[in-house]
Protein backbone atom coordinates (compact mmCIF):
# COMPACT_ATOMS: atom_id res chain seq x y z
CA MET A 1 -4.19 18.76 13.72
CA GLN A 2 -3.07 16.75 10.82
CA THR A 3 -5.00 16.89 7.53
CA PHE A 4 -6.34 13.66 5.84
CA SER A 5 -3.50 13.54 3.44
CA GLU A 6 -0.84 13.87 6.23
CA ARG A 7 -2.52 11.02 8.03
CA VAL A 8 -2.49 8.82 4.92
CA ILE A 9 1.32 9.46 4.37
CA LYS A 10 2.11 8.80 8.16
CA MET A 11 0.07 5.53 7.98
CA ALA A 12 1.50 4.33 4.54
CA ARG A 13 5.10 4.86 5.93
CA LYS A 14 4.38 2.61 8.92
CA ILE A 15 3.52 -0.56 6.95
CA PRO A 16 6.12 -3.14 8.11
CA LYS A 17 8.32 -5.11 5.97
CA GLY A 18 6.74 -8.40 4.98
CA LYS A 19 3.19 -7.07 5.48
CA VAL A 20 0.61 -5.50 3.40
CA THR A 21 -2.61 -3.46 3.81
CA THR A 22 -5.10 -2.06 1.52
CA TYR A 23 -6.28 1.34 0.14
CA GLY A 24 -9.48 1.03 2.04
CA ARG A 25 -7.67 0.31 5.37
CA ILE A 26 -5.49 3.34 5.08
CA ALA A 27 -8.56 5.53 4.09
CA LYS A 28 -10.52 4.27 7.05
CA GLY A 29 -7.67 4.57 9.45
CA ALA A 30 -7.09 8.13 8.26
CA GLY A 31 -10.62 9.16 9.03
CA GLY A 32 -12.05 9.08 5.44
CA GLY A 33 -15.06 7.29 4.15
CA THR A 34 -15.66 4.58 1.62
CA MET A 35 -14.87 6.59 -1.33
CA ALA A 36 -11.78 8.05 0.30
CA SER A 37 -9.67 4.93 -0.84
CA ARG A 38 -9.71 6.20 -4.36
CA SER A 39 -7.43 9.20 -3.31
CA ILE A 40 -4.92 7.13 -1.68
CA THR A 41 -2.80 6.69 -4.67
CA ALA A 42 -2.98 10.33 -5.78
CA ILE A 43 -2.04 11.59 -2.10
CA LEU A 44 0.93 9.35 -1.86
CA GLY A 45 2.01 10.12 -5.40
CA LYS A 46 2.03 13.83 -4.67
CA ALA A 47 4.08 13.18 -1.48
CA TYR A 48 6.46 11.11 -3.24
CA ASN A 49 6.88 13.90 -5.89
CA SER A 50 7.25 16.37 -3.19
CA GLY A 51 10.26 14.39 -1.76
CA ILE A 52 8.87 11.90 0.58
CA LYS A 53 10.68 8.74 -1.07
CA ASP A 54 10.19 6.19 1.65
CA ILE A 55 6.77 5.33 0.80
CA PRO A 56 6.17 1.50 0.51
CA PHE A 57 3.86 1.48 -2.47
CA HIS A 58 4.11 -2.42 -2.91
CA ARG A 59 2.73 -2.77 0.52
CA ILE A 60 -0.58 -1.27 -0.35
CA VAL A 61 -2.73 -3.48 -2.40
CA TYR A 62 -6.35 -4.16 -3.26
CA ALA A 63 -8.89 -5.42 -1.02
CA ASP A 64 -8.85 -8.88 -2.64
CA GLY A 65 -5.18 -9.29 -2.22
CA SER A 66 -4.30 -8.54 -5.70
CA VAL A 67 -1.22 -6.19 -6.46
CA TRP A 68 -0.76 -3.39 -9.10
CA LEU A 69 2.09 -4.16 -11.46
CA ASP A 70 2.68 -2.09 -14.43
CA GLY A 71 5.35 -2.15 -16.96
CA ALA A 72 7.68 0.61 -15.73
CA TRP A 73 7.56 -0.79 -12.05
CA ARG A 74 6.95 -4.38 -12.65
CA GLU A 75 10.31 -5.72 -12.00
CA LYS A 76 11.20 -3.40 -9.06
CA ARG A 77 7.89 -4.35 -7.33
CA LEU A 78 8.41 -8.13 -7.91
CA ALA A 79 11.88 -7.93 -6.63
CA LEU A 80 10.66 -6.27 -3.57
CA TYR A 81 7.90 -8.62 -2.91
CA LYS A 82 10.63 -11.65 -3.18
CA GLN A 83 12.95 -9.75 -0.88
CA GLU A 84 10.20 -9.38 1.82
CA GLY A 85 8.91 -12.98 1.43
CA ILE A 86 5.59 -12.01 0.05
CA LYS A 87 4.39 -14.56 -2.53
CA LEU A 88 2.28 -13.97 -5.54
CA ASP A 89 0.30 -16.37 -7.56
CA LYS A 90 -0.06 -16.39 -11.40
CA ASN A 91 -2.75 -13.89 -11.23
CA ASN A 92 -0.72 -11.42 -9.19
CA GLN A 93 -2.67 -12.16 -5.92
CA ILE A 94 -0.85 -12.50 -2.81
CA VAL A 95 -0.94 -16.22 -1.69
CA ASN A 96 -1.20 -15.81 2.14
CA PHE A 97 -3.02 -12.51 2.10
CA ARG A 98 -4.96 -12.81 5.36
CA ASP A 99 -1.73 -13.95 7.24
CA ILE A 100 0.26 -11.04 6.16
CA LEU A 101 -2.49 -8.23 6.32
CA PHE A 102 -1.45 -5.23 8.55
CA GLU A 103 -4.22 -3.96 10.48
CA PHE A 104 -3.87 -0.24 11.83
CA LYS A 105 -4.55 -0.08 15.56
């Protein structure tokens, strides 16, 4: 049986190009409660540092459709959004968020 962390990693890696999902949807889909969404970044960061390099971090966004952009990763993430046809407004929110929201089955 997979652990919560293993399920989170598996789910994150399945988000298709051009789609996004939220931290909360991953947490819920992996069997976690409401507060579990706060652990998603730490779980995925640890997996990345352990050698799992194909995690599409840019496809995991906040529940309101806003994206996380920091100085070190800003340009790379913006390029990935553009490449995948994901449009952001001036407030770093996805323009067509509901249309590209990926729901786990």
